[in-house]
């Protein structure tokens, strides 16, 4: 079960969308927390990944995994 989180941001005048996906067990107490906010440190959660999307260029960049 991946909990997906999305956030938009602007860097150097360019708009991006960041997708954070965290792998958690369905009954984990993290599920409720992750549905409300990003984890304090994505690097602490095994099975997580993140990627940036540039909607103007229609390209994904910066894929990272843990």
Protein backbone atom coordinates (compact mmCIF):
# COMPACT_ATOMS: atom_id res chain seq x y z
CA UNK A 1 0.00 0.00 0.00
CA UNK A 2 1.54 3.26 -1.10
CA UNK A 3 0.36 6.50 0.41
CA UNK A 4 0.87 9.16 -2.25
CA UNK A 5 1.44 12.78 -1.36
CA UNK A 6 1.54 15.69 -3.79
CA UNK A 7 2.86 19.21 -3.44
CA UNK A 8 3.35 22.00 -5.95
CA UNK A 9 6.30 24.37 -5.79
CA UNK A 10 8.10 27.00 -7.86
CA UNK A 11 11.87 26.92 -8.36
CA UNK A 12 13.64 29.56 -10.47
CA UNK A 13 10.27 30.68 -11.86
CA UNK A 14 9.33 27.17 -13.03
CA UNK A 15 6.34 25.33 -11.53
CA UNK A 16 6.79 21.72 -10.46
CA UNK A 17 4.73 19.00 -8.88
CA UNK A 18 6.45 16.70 -6.38
CA UNK A 19 5.06 13.21 -5.78
CA UNK A 20 6.08 11.40 -2.61
CA UNK A 21 5.04 7.75 -2.22
CA UNK A 22 5.53 5.87 1.03
CA UNK A 23 5.09 2.11 1.39
CA UNK A 24 3.22 1.30 4.62
CA UNK A 25 1.21 -1.57 6.02
CA UNK A 26 -2.57 -1.00 5.94
CA UNK A 27 -2.88 -1.19 9.73
CA UNK A 28 0.20 0.89 10.48
CA UNK A 29 -0.32 4.03 12.60
CA UNK A 30 1.67 5.86 9.91
CA UNK A 31 -1.25 5.62 7.46
CA UNK A 32 -3.29 8.29 9.26
CA UNK A 33 -0.28 10.53 9.73
CA UNK A 34 0.81 10.26 6.09
CA UNK A 35 -2.67 11.09 4.84
CA UNK A 36 -2.38 14.44 6.63
CA UNK A 37 1.27 15.47 6.25
CA UNK A 38 4.64 14.56 4.78
CA UNK A 39 6.84 12.43 7.07
CA UNK A 40 9.52 14.39 8.95
CA UNK A 41 12.18 12.54 6.95
CA UNK A 42 11.36 10.53 3.83
CA UNK A 43 14.78 8.92 4.08
CA UNK A 44 13.71 7.13 7.26
CA UNK A 45 10.93 5.20 5.52
CA UNK A 46 12.07 2.12 3.56
CA UNK A 47 10.15 1.54 0.35
CA UNK A 48 9.48 5.22 -0.26
CA UNK A 49 10.16 7.07 -3.50
CA UNK A 50 9.78 10.58 -4.86
CA UNK A 51 9.79 12.27 -8.24
CA UNK A 52 9.38 15.78 -9.65
CA UNK A 53 7.14 16.59 -12.60
CA UNK A 54 7.43 19.65 -14.83
CA UNK A 55 3.92 20.14 -16.29
CA UNK A 56 5.09 22.65 -18.91
CA UNK A 57 7.81 20.36 -20.29
CA UNK A 58 5.68 17.26 -19.50
CA UNK A 59 8.74 15.52 -18.01
CA UNK A 60 9.58 13.68 -14.82
CA UNK A 61 12.96 14.30 -13.17
CA UNK A 62 14.77 13.61 -9.92
CA UNK A 63 13.48 10.10 -9.17
CA UNK A 64 14.76 8.96 -5.75
CA UNK A 65 14.16 5.80 -3.74
CA UNK A 66 14.82 4.57 -0.24
